[in-house]
Amino acid sequence: MSGKYAFTKGLKELRFHLCQTSEHSAAARSFLVRAYPTMKNHNPHTPIMIREALGVEPKVFARYEYGREKVEQLKGLDDKEIENKVTELVKTSQ
């Protein structure tokens, strides 16, 4: 898992939006509990933010150089599928 989360230089921020209680955010919460320490350990200078709000659908945002952003919906995905989406985002530098 560690190699998957070595972020590219172009990634400036990774931001997760999710609900702290709803069922549709359960997989995102599970993923973060498992993967956040590894991501932060390998990328100590890149902000990884977790934004919790009641009723929001789970999403992950990646902000790159020059303010460009990509967003991926996480609703309905399991832990492994979320890991694949996040890996795609952190390996891309566009």
PDB file of N, CA and C in Angstrom:
ATOM      1  N   MET A   1       0.817  -1.203   0.000  1.00  0.00           N
ATOM      2  CA  MET A   1       0.000   0.000   0.000  1.00  0.00           C
ATOM      3  C   MET A   1       0.851   1.253   0.000  1.00  0.00           C
ATOM      4  N   SER A   2       2.042   1.214   0.540  1.00  0.00           N
ATOM      5  CA  SER A   2       2.836   2.427   0.687  1.00  0.00           C
ATOM      6  C   SER A   2       3.205   3.051  -0.649  1.00  0.00           C
ATOM      7  N   GLY A   3       3.520   2.235  -1.667  1.00  0.00           N
ATOM      8  CA  GLY A   3       3.883   2.776  -2.961  1.00  0.00           C
ATOM      9  C   GLY A   3       2.725   3.479  -3.651  1.00  0.00           C
ATOM     10  N   LYS A   4       1.508   3.038  -3.362  1.00  0.00           N
ATOM     11  CA  LYS A   4       0.328   3.637  -3.971  1.00  0.00           C
ATOM     12  C   LYS A   4       0.122   5.068  -3.513  1.00  0.00           C
ATOM     13  N   TYR A   5       0.599   5.382  -2.331  1.00  0.00           N
ATOM     14  CA  TYR A   5       0.315   6.687  -1.750  1.00  0.00           C
ATOM     15  C   TYR A   5       1.519   7.608  -1.728  1.00  0.00           C
ATOM     16  N   ALA A   6       2.497   7.358  -2.570  1.00  0.00           N
ATOM     17  CA  ALA A   6       3.583   8.315  -2.745  1.00  0.00           C
ATOM     18  C   ALA A   6       3.073   9.338  -3.764  1.00  0.00           C
ATOM     19  N   PHE A   7       2.656  10.487  -3.285  1.00  0.00           N
ATOM     20  CA  PHE A   7       2.007  11.489  -4.130  1.00  0.00           C
ATOM     21  C   PHE A   7       2.988  12.100  -5.117  1.00  0.00           C
ATOM     22  N   THR A   8       2.469  12.519  -6.283  1.00  0.00           N
ATOM     23  CA  THR A   8       3.301  13.225  -7.250  1.00  0.00           C
ATOM     24  C   THR A   8       3.554  14.647  -6.759  1.00  0.00           C
ATOM     25  N   LYS A   9       4.570  15.277  -7.297  1.00  0.00           N
ATOM     26  CA  LYS A   9       4.908  16.647  -6.898  1.00  0.00           C
ATOM     27  C   LYS A   9       3.805  17.629  -7.259  1.00  0.00           C
ATOM     28  N   GLY A  10       3.051  17.336  -8.311  1.00  0.00           N
ATOM     29  CA  GLY A  10       1.996  18.246  -8.760  1.00  0.00           C
ATOM     30  C   GLY A  10       0.772  18.261  -7.862  1.00  0.00           C
ATOM     31  N   LEU A  11       0.615  17.272  -6.981  1.00  0.00           N
ATOM     32  CA  LEU A  11      -0.533  17.234  -6.078  1.00  0.00           C
ATOM     33  C   LEU A  11      -0.287  18.170  -4.906  1.00  0.00           C
ATOM     34  N   LYS A  12      -1.172  19.113  -4.722  1.00  0.00           N
ATOM     35  CA  LYS A  12      -1.004  20.114  -3.665  1.00  0.00           C
ATOM     36  C   LYS A  12      -1.894  19.863  -2.456  1.00  0.00           C
ATOM     37  N   GLU A  13      -2.988  19.114  -2.642  1.00  0.00           N
ATOM     38  CA  GLU A  13      -3.922  18.893  -1.534  1.00  0.00           C
ATOM     39  C   GLU A  13      -4.852  17.738  -1.886  1.00  0.00           C
ATOM     40  N   LEU A  14      -5.193  16.940  -0.874  1.00  0.00           N
ATOM     41  CA  LEU A  14      -6.182  15.876  -1.013  1.00  0.00           C
ATOM     42  C   LEU A  14      -7.248  16.126   0.045  1.00  0.00           C
ATOM     43  N   ARG A  15      -8.519  16.175  -0.383  1.00  0.00           N
ATOM     44  CA  ARG A  15      -9.599  16.554   0.537  1.00  0.00           C
ATOM     45  C   ARG A  15     -10.744  15.555   0.421  1.00  0.00           C
ATOM     46  N   PHE A  16     -11.165  15.024   1.542  1.00  0.00           N
ATOM     47  CA  PHE A  16     -12.274  14.079   1.606  1.00  0.00           C
ATOM     48  C   PHE A  16     -13.483  14.771   2.226  1.00  0.00           C
ATOM     49  N   HIS A  17     -14.645  14.638   1.591  1.00  0.00           N
ATOM     50  CA  HIS A  17     -15.910  15.117   2.150  1.00  0.00           C
ATOM     51  C   HIS A  17     -16.751  13.887   2.430  1.00  0.00           C
ATOM     52  N   LEU A  18     -17.287  13.783   3.649  1.00  0.00           N
ATOM     53  CA  LEU A  18     -18.110  12.635   4.000  1.00  0.00           C
ATOM     54  C   LEU A  18     -18.988  12.950   5.192  1.00  0.00           C
ATOM     55  N   CYS A  19     -19.948  12.071   5.421  1.00  0.00           N
ATOM     56  CA  CYS A  19     -20.856  12.194   6.559  1.00  0.00           C
ATOM     57  C   CYS A  19     -20.333  11.298   7.680  1.00  0.00           C
ATOM     58  N   GLN A  20     -20.355  11.803   8.888  1.00  0.00           N
ATOM     59  CA  GLN A  20     -19.797  11.050  10.010  1.00  0.00           C
ATOM     60  C   GLN A  20     -20.713   9.936  10.514  1.00  0.00           C
ATOM     61  N   THR A  21     -21.974   9.909  10.073  1.00  0.00           N
ATOM     62  CA  THR A  21     -22.903   8.902  10.602  1.00  0.00           C
ATOM     63  C   THR A  21     -23.611   8.072   9.540  1.00  0.00           C
ATOM     64  N   SER A  22     -23.748   8.540   8.333  1.00  0.00           N
ATOM     65  CA  SER A  22     -24.575   7.855   7.341  1.00  0.00           C
ATOM     66  C   SER A  22     -23.923   6.585   6.801  1.00  0.00           C
ATOM     67  N   GLU A  23     -24.781   5.695   6.340  1.00  0.00           N
ATOM     68  CA  GLU A  23     -24.326   4.406   5.800  1.00  0.00           C
ATOM     69  C   GLU A  23     -23.570   4.582   4.481  1.00  0.00           C
ATOM     70  N   HIS A  24     -23.982   5.557   3.650  1.00  0.00           N
ATOM     71  CA  HIS A  24     -23.322   5.714   2.355  1.00  0.00           C
ATOM     72  C   HIS A  24     -21.889   6.248   2.480  1.00  0.00           C
ATOM     73  N   SER A  25     -21.499   6.725   3.646  1.00  0.00           N
ATOM     74  CA  SER A  25     -20.116   7.158   3.874  1.00  0.00           C
ATOM     75  C   SER A  25     -19.301   6.138   4.665  1.00  0.00           C
ATOM     76  N   ALA A  26     -19.885   5.000   5.004  1.00  0.00           N
ATOM     77  CA  ALA A  26     -19.204   4.013   5.849  1.00  0.00           C
ATOM     78  C   ALA A  26     -17.909   3.498   5.222  1.00  0.00           C
ATOM     79  N   ALA A  27     -17.929   3.204   3.932  1.00  0.00           N
ATOM     80  CA  ALA A  27     -16.721   2.695   3.272  1.00  0.00           C
ATOM     81  C   ALA A  27     -15.625   3.762   3.239  1.00  0.00           C
ATOM     82  N   ALA A  28     -16.008   5.020   3.041  1.00  0.00           N
ATOM     83  CA  ALA A  28     -15.025   6.111   3.031  1.00  0.00           C
ATOM     84  C   ALA A  28     -14.401   6.272   4.416  1.00  0.00           C
ATOM     85  N   ARG A  29     -15.214   6.178   5.459  1.00  0.00           N
ATOM     86  CA  ARG A  29     -14.676   6.268   6.828  1.00  0.00           C
ATOM     87  C   ARG A  29     -13.723   5.107   7.102  1.00  0.00           C
ATOM     88  N   SER A  30     -14.121   3.918   6.691  1.00  0.00           N
ATOM     89  CA  SER A  30     -13.282   2.727   6.881  1.00  0.00           C
ATOM     90  C   SER A  30     -11.945   2.882   6.149  1.00  0.00           C
ATOM     91  N   PHE A  31     -12.010   3.371   4.914  1.00  0.00           N
ATOM     92  CA  PHE A  31     -10.787   3.589   4.135  1.00  0.00           C
ATOM     93  C   PHE A  31      -9.860   4.578   4.830  1.00  0.00           C
ATOM     94  N   LEU A  32     -10.425   5.674   5.327  1.00  0.00           N
ATOM     95  CA  LEU A  32      -9.594   6.694   5.975  1.00  0.00           C
ATOM     96  C   LEU A  32      -8.969   6.192   7.270  1.00  0.00           C
ATOM     97  N   VAL A  33      -9.710   5.425   8.044  1.00  0.00           N
ATOM     98  CA  VAL A  33      -9.156   4.868   9.283  1.00  0.00           C
ATOM     99  C   VAL A  33      -7.948   3.980   8.963  1.00  0.00           C
ATOM    100  N   ARG A  34      -8.062   3.236   7.878  1.00  0.00           N
ATOM    101  CA  ARG A  34      -6.991   2.314   7.500  1.00  0.00           C
ATOM    102  C   ARG A  34      -5.821   3.011   6.788  1.00  0.00           C
ATOM    103  N   ALA A  35      -6.128   3.899   5.844  1.00  0.00           N
ATOM    104  CA  ALA A  35      -5.097   4.413   4.941  1.00  0.00           C
ATOM    105  C   ALA A  35      -4.517   5.775   5.313  1.00  0.00           C
ATOM    106  N   TYR A  36      -5.238   6.593   6.079  1.00  0.00           N
ATOM    107  CA  TYR A  36      -4.745   7.932   6.390  1.00  0.00           C
ATOM    108  C   TYR A  36      -3.353   7.933   7.024  1.00  0.00           C
ATOM    109  N   PRO A  37      -3.078   7.097   8.044  1.00  0.00           N
ATOM    110  CA  PRO A  37      -1.735   7.140   8.643  1.00  0.00           C
ATOM    111  C   PRO A  37      -0.615   6.864   7.633  1.00  0.00           C
ATOM    112  N   THR A  38      -0.850   5.936   6.721  1.00  0.00           N
ATOM    113  CA  THR A  38       0.165   5.620   5.703  1.00  0.00           C
ATOM    114  C   THR A  38       0.340   6.779   4.730  1.00  0.00           C
ATOM    115  N   MET A  39      -0.777   7.342   4.277  1.00  0.00           N
ATOM    116  CA  MET A  39      -0.686   8.473   3.335  1.00  0.00           C
ATOM    117  C   MET A  39       0.066   9.635   3.972  1.00  0.00           C
ATOM    118  N   LYS A  40      -0.276   9.963   5.211  1.00  0.00           N
ATOM    119  CA  LYS A  40       0.348  11.105   5.874  1.00  0.00           C
ATOM    120  C   LYS A  40       1.817  10.837   6.170  1.00  0.00           C
ATOM    121  N   ASN A  41       2.137   9.612   6.542  1.00  0.00           N
ATOM    122  CA  ASN A  41       3.525   9.243   6.826  1.00  0.00           C
ATOM    123  C   ASN A  41       4.409   9.388   5.587  1.00  0.00           C
ATOM    124  N   HIS A  42       3.886   9.020   4.415  1.00  0.00           N
ATOM    125  CA  HIS A  42       4.663   9.104   3.182  1.00  0.00           C
ATOM    126  C   HIS A  42       4.638  10.483   2.527  1.00  0.00           C
ATOM    127  N   ASN A  43       3.721  11.343   2.959  1.00  0.00           N
ATOM    128  CA  ASN A  43       3.562  12.670   2.359  1.00  0.00           C
ATOM    129  C   ASN A  43       3.346  13.716   3.452  1.00  0.00           C
ATOM    130  N   PRO A  44       4.332  13.921   4.307  1.00  0.00           N
ATOM    131  CA  PRO A  44       4.116  14.788   5.473  1.00  0.00           C
ATOM    132  C   PRO A  44       3.860  16.261   5.132  1.00  0.00           C
ATOM    133  N   HIS A  45       4.244  16.710   3.950  1.00  0.00           N
ATOM    134  CA  HIS A  45       4.092  18.125   3.620  1.00  0.00           C
ATOM    135  C   HIS A  45       2.882  18.417   2.737  1.00  0.00           C
ATOM    136  N   THR A  46       2.137  17.381   2.359  1.00  0.00           N
ATOM    137  CA  THR A  46       0.938  17.572   1.551  1.00  0.00           C
ATOM    138  C   THR A  46      -0.285  17.534   2.458  1.00  0.00           C
ATOM    139  N   PRO A  47      -1.111  18.580   2.436  1.00  0.00           N
ATOM    140  CA  PRO A  47      -2.315  18.572   3.271  1.00  0.00           C
ATOM    141  C   PRO A  47      -3.298  17.477   2.837  1.00  0.00           C
ATOM    142  N   ILE A  48      -3.741  16.693   3.792  1.00  0.00           N
ATOM    143  CA  ILE A  48      -4.798  15.705   3.579  1.00  0.00           C
ATOM    144  C   ILE A  48      -5.905  16.093   4.543  1.00  0.00           C
ATOM    145  N   MET A  49      -6.981  16.645   3.996  1.00  0.00           N
ATOM    146  CA  MET A  49      -8.042  17.181   4.842  1.00  0.00           C
ATOM    147  C   MET A  49      -9.273  16.284   4.804  1.00  0.00           C
ATOM    148  N   ILE A  50      -9.926  16.185   5.942  1.00  0.00           N
ATOM    149  CA  ILE A  50     -11.152  15.410   6.072  1.00  0.00           C
ATOM    150  C   ILE A  50     -12.238  16.363   6.541  1.00  0.00           C
ATOM    151  N   ARG A  51     -13.245  16.547   5.718  1.00  0.00           N
ATOM    152  CA  ARG A  51     -14.346  17.452   6.029  1.00  0.00           C
ATOM    153  C   ARG A  51     -15.599  16.623   6.260  1.00  0.00           C
ATOM    154  N   GLU A  52     -16.128  16.678   7.472  1.00  0.00           N
ATOM    155  CA  GLU A  52     -17.320  15.927   7.812  1.00  0.00           C
ATOM    156  C   GLU A  52     -18.504  16.880   7.940  1.00  0.00           C
ATOM    157  N   ALA A  53     -19.615  16.487   7.334  1.00  0.00           N
ATOM    158  CA  ALA A  53     -20.842  17.267   7.439  1.00  0.00           C
ATOM    159  C   ALA A  53     -22.022  16.316   7.320  1.00  0.00           C
ATOM    160  N   LEU A  54     -23.038  16.572   8.078  1.00  0.00           N
ATOM    161  CA  LEU A  54     -24.205  15.702   8.128  1.00  0.00           C
ATOM    162  C   LEU A  54     -24.900  15.634   6.776  1.00  0.00           C
ATOM    163  N   GLY A  55     -25.070  14.423   6.280  1.00  0.00           N
ATOM    164  CA  GLY A  55     -25.841  14.205   5.061  1.00  0.00           C
ATOM    165  C   GLY A  55     -25.120  14.385   3.745  1.00  0.00           C
ATOM    166  N   VAL A  56     -23.850  14.738   3.724  1.00  0.00           N
ATOM    167  CA  VAL A  56     -23.159  14.912   2.448  1.00  0.00           C
ATOM    168  C   VAL A  56     -22.773  13.558   1.864  1.00  0.00           C
ATOM    169  N   GLU A  57     -22.725  13.496   0.553  1.00  0.00           N
ATOM    170  CA  GLU A  57     -22.287  12.268  -0.111  1.00  0.00           C
ATOM    171  C   GLU A  57     -20.762  12.243  -0.130  1.00  0.00           C
ATOM    172  N   PRO A  58     -20.166  11.064   0.015  1.00  0.00           N
ATOM    173  CA  PRO A  58     -18.708  10.994   0.070  1.00  0.00           C
ATOM    174  C   PRO A  58     -18.061  11.314  -1.282  1.00  0.00           C
ATOM    175  N   LYS A  59     -17.053  12.160  -1.228  1.00  0.00           N
ATOM    176  CA  LYS A  59     -16.297  12.569  -2.416  1.00  0.00           C
ATOM    177  C   LYS A  59     -14.849  12.760  -2.007  1.00  0.00           C
ATOM    178  N   VAL A  60     -13.954  12.666  -2.977  1.00  0.00           N
ATOM    179  CA  VAL A  60     -12.559  13.027  -2.739  1.00  0.00           C
ATOM    180  C   VAL A  60     -12.169  14.046  -3.810  1.00  0.00           C
ATOM    181  N   PHE A  61     -11.496  15.095  -3.376  1.00  0.00           N
ATOM    182  CA  PHE A  61     -11.014  16.153  -4.257  1.00  0.00           C
ATOM    183  C   PHE A  61      -9.493  16.127  -4.259  1.00  0.00           C
ATOM    184  N   ALA A  62      -8.910  16.290  -5.421  1.00  0.00           N
ATOM    185  CA  ALA A  62      -7.462  16.435  -5.526  1.00  0.00           C
ATOM    186  C   ALA A  62      -7.200  17.792  -6.170  1.00  0.00           C
ATOM    187  N   ARG A  63      -6.372  18.602  -5.517  1.00  0.00           N
ATOM    188  CA  ARG A  63      -6.006  19.909  -6.072  1.00  0.00           C
ATOM    189  C   ARG A  63      -4.560  19.832  -6.537  1.00  0.00           C
ATOM    190  N   TYR A  64      -4.345  20.253  -7.779  1.00  0.00           N
ATOM    191  CA  TYR A  64      -3.023  20.188  -8.397  1.00  0.00           C
ATOM    192  C   TYR A  64      -2.466  21.593  -8.583  1.00  0.00           C
ATOM    193  N   GLU A  65      -1.304  21.654  -9.193  1.00  0.00           N
ATOM    194  CA  GLU A  65      -0.682  22.947  -9.473  1.00  0.00           C
ATOM    195  C   GLU A  65      -1.634  23.835 -10.265  1.00  0.00           C
ATOM    196  N   TYR A  66      -1.477  25.129 -10.112  1.00  0.00           N
ATOM    197  CA  TYR A  66      -2.246  26.150 -10.815  1.00  0.00           C
ATOM    198  C   TYR A  66      -3.741  26.089 -10.495  1.00  0.00           C
ATOM    199  N   GLY A  67      -4.106  25.512  -9.344  1.00  0.00           N
ATOM    200  CA  GLY A  67      -5.486  25.513  -8.890  1.00  0.00           C
ATOM    201  C   GLY A  67      -6.417  24.521  -9.569  1.00  0.00           C
ATOM    202  N   ARG A  68      -5.883  23.636 -10.395  1.00  0.00           N
ATOM    203  CA  ARG A  68      -6.739  22.643 -11.049  1.00  0.00           C
ATOM    204  C   ARG A  68      -7.206  21.604 -10.043  1.00  0.00           C
ATOM    205  N   GLU A  69      -8.449  21.182 -10.162  1.00  0.00           N
ATOM    206  CA  GLU A  69      -9.028  20.200  -9.242  1.00  0.00           C
ATOM    207  C   GLU A  69      -9.719  19.085 -10.009  1.00  0.00           C
ATOM    208  N   LYS A  70      -9.680  17.914  -9.399  1.00  0.00           N
ATOM    209  CA  LYS A  70     -10.452  16.767  -9.879  1.00  0.00           C
ATOM    210  C   LYS A  70     -11.256  16.268  -8.701  1.00  0.00           C
ATOM    211  N   VAL A  71     -12.460  15.785  -8.973  1.00  0.00           N
ATOM    212  CA  VAL A  71     -13.303  15.247  -7.912  1.00  0.00           C
ATOM    213  C   VAL A  71     -13.803  13.870  -8.334  1.00  0.00           C
ATOM    214  N   GLU A  72     -13.864  12.953  -7.398  1.00  0.00           N
ATOM    215  CA  GLU A  72     -14.393  11.609  -7.633  1.00  0.00           C
ATOM    216  C   GLU A  72     -15.472  11.323  -6.598  1.00  0.00           C
ATOM    217  N   GLN A  73     -16.600  10.802  -7.045  1.00  0.00           N
ATOM    218  CA  GLN A  73     -17.677  10.381  -6.154  1.00  0.00           C
ATOM    219  C   GLN A  73     -17.296   9.041  -5.520  1.00  0.00           C
ATOM    220  N   LEU A  74     -17.557   8.882  -4.238  1.00  0.00           N
ATOM    221  CA  LEU A  74     -17.224   7.648  -3.541  1.00  0.00           C
ATOM    222  C   LEU A  74     -18.465   6.881  -3.080  1.00  0.00           C
ATOM    223  N   LYS A  75     -19.645   7.439  -3.321  1.00  0.00           N
ATOM    224  CA  LYS A  75     -20.881   6.791  -2.881  1.00  0.00           C
ATOM    225  C   LYS A  75     -21.066   5.471  -3.620  1.00  0.00           C
ATOM    226  N   GLY A  76     -21.377   4.418  -2.851  1.00  0.00           N
ATOM    227  CA  GLY A  76     -21.628   3.109  -3.441  1.00  0.00           C
ATOM    228  C   GLY A  76     -20.376   2.280  -3.700  1.00  0.00           C
ATOM    229  N   LEU A  77     -19.206   2.837  -3.417  1.00  0.00           N
ATOM    230  CA  LEU A  77     -17.961   2.099  -3.624  1.00  0.00           C
ATOM    231  C   LEU A  77     -17.547   1.403  -2.334  1.00  0.00           C
ATOM    232  N   ASP A  78     -16.854   0.274  -2.481  1.00  0.00           N
ATOM    233  CA  ASP A  78     -16.322  -0.381  -1.289  1.00  0.00           C
ATOM    234  C   ASP A  78     -14.906   0.120  -1.023  1.00  0.00           C
ATOM    235  N   ASP A  79     -14.307  -0.361   0.049  1.00  0.00           N
ATOM    236  CA  ASP A  79     -12.984   0.095   0.493  1.00  0.00           C
ATOM    237  C   ASP A  79     -11.940  -0.029  -0.618  1.00  0.00           C
ATOM    238  N   LYS A  80     -11.917  -1.148  -1.317  1.00  0.00           N
ATOM    239  CA  LYS A  80     -10.917  -1.381  -2.366  1.00  0.00           C
ATOM    240  C   LYS A  80     -11.129  -0.456  -3.558  1.00  0.00           C
ATOM    241  N   GLU A  81     -12.375  -0.229  -3.933  1.00  0.00           N
ATOM    242  CA  GLU A  81     -12.663   0.675  -5.049  1.00  0.00           C
ATOM    243  C   GLU A  81     -12.289   2.119  -4.696  1.00  0.00           C
ATOM    244  N   ILE A  82     -12.508   2.507  -3.451  1.00  0.00           N
ATOM    245  CA  ILE A  82     -12.093   3.842  -3.003  1.00  0.00           C
ATOM    246  C   ILE A  82     -10.581   3.955  -3.073  1.00  0.00           C
ATOM    247  N   GLU A  83      -9.884   2.914  -2.640  1.00  0.00           N
ATOM    248  CA  GLU A  83      -8.422   2.922  -2.718  1.00  0.00           C
ATOM    249  C   GLU A  83      -7.952   3.109  -4.155  1.00  0.00           C
ATOM    250  N   ASN A  84      -8.591   2.446  -5.103  1.00  0.00           N
ATOM    251  CA  ASN A  84      -8.215   2.580  -6.516  1.00  0.00           C
ATOM    252  C   ASN A  84      -8.471   4.000  -7.025  1.00  0.00           C
ATOM    253  N   LYS A  85      -9.603   4.604  -6.649  1.00  0.00           N
ATOM    254  CA  LYS A  85      -9.906   5.985  -7.064  1.00  0.00           C
ATOM    255  C   LYS A  85      -8.872   6.965  -6.513  1.00  0.00           C
ATOM    256  N   VAL A  86      -8.546   6.812  -5.235  1.00  0.00           N
ATOM    257  CA  VAL A  86      -7.572   7.712  -4.608  1.00  0.00           C
ATOM    258  C   VAL A  86      -6.199   7.518  -5.244  1.00  0.00           C
ATOM    259  N   THR A  87      -5.814   6.285  -5.504  1.00  0.00           N
ATOM    260  CA  THR A  87      -4.523   6.013  -6.139  1.00  0.00           C
ATOM    261  C   THR A  87      -4.443   6.681  -7.501  1.00  0.00           C
ATOM    262  N   GLU A  88      -5.528   6.604  -8.284  1.00  0.00           N
ATOM    263  CA  GLU A  88      -5.569   7.288  -9.586  1.00  0.00           C
ATOM    264  C   GLU A  88      -5.330   8.783  -9.421  1.00  0.00           C
ATOM    265  N   LEU A  89      -6.018   9.387  -8.455  1.00  0.00           N
ATOM    266  CA  LEU A  89      -5.912  10.832  -8.259  1.00  0.00           C
ATOM    267  C   LEU A  89      -4.519  11.254  -7.833  1.00  0.00           C
ATOM    268  N   VAL A  90      -3.889  10.504  -6.919  1.00  0.00           N
ATOM    269  CA  VAL A  90      -2.598  10.932  -6.393  1.00  0.00           C
ATOM    270  C   VAL A  90      -1.456  10.651  -7.370  1.00  0.00           C
ATOM    271  N   LYS A  91      -1.672   9.760  -8.325  1.00  0.00           N
ATOM    272  CA  LYS A  91      -0.643   9.476  -9.321  1.00  0.00           C
ATOM    273  C   LYS A  91      -0.718  10.414 -10.511  1.00  0.00           C
ATOM    274  N   THR A  92      -1.851  11.071 -10.672  1.00  0.00           N
ATOM    275  CA  THR A  92      -2.051  12.022 -11.779  1.00  0.00           C
ATOM    276  C   THR A  92      -1.517  13.377 -11.348  1.00  0.00           C
ATOM    277  N   SER A  93      -0.912  14.085 -12.269  1.00  0.00           N
ATOM    278  CA  SER A  93      -0.414  15.427 -11.898  1.00  0.00           C
ATOM    279  C   SER A  93      -1.052  16.508 -12.760  1.00  0.00           C
ATOM    280  N   GLN A  94      -2.207  16.217 -13.319  1.00  0.00           N
ATOM    281  CA  GLN A  94      -2.864  17.221 -14.172  1.00  0.00           C
ATOM    282  C   GLN A  94      -3.902  17.956 -13.435  1.00  0.00           C
TER     283      GLN A  94
END
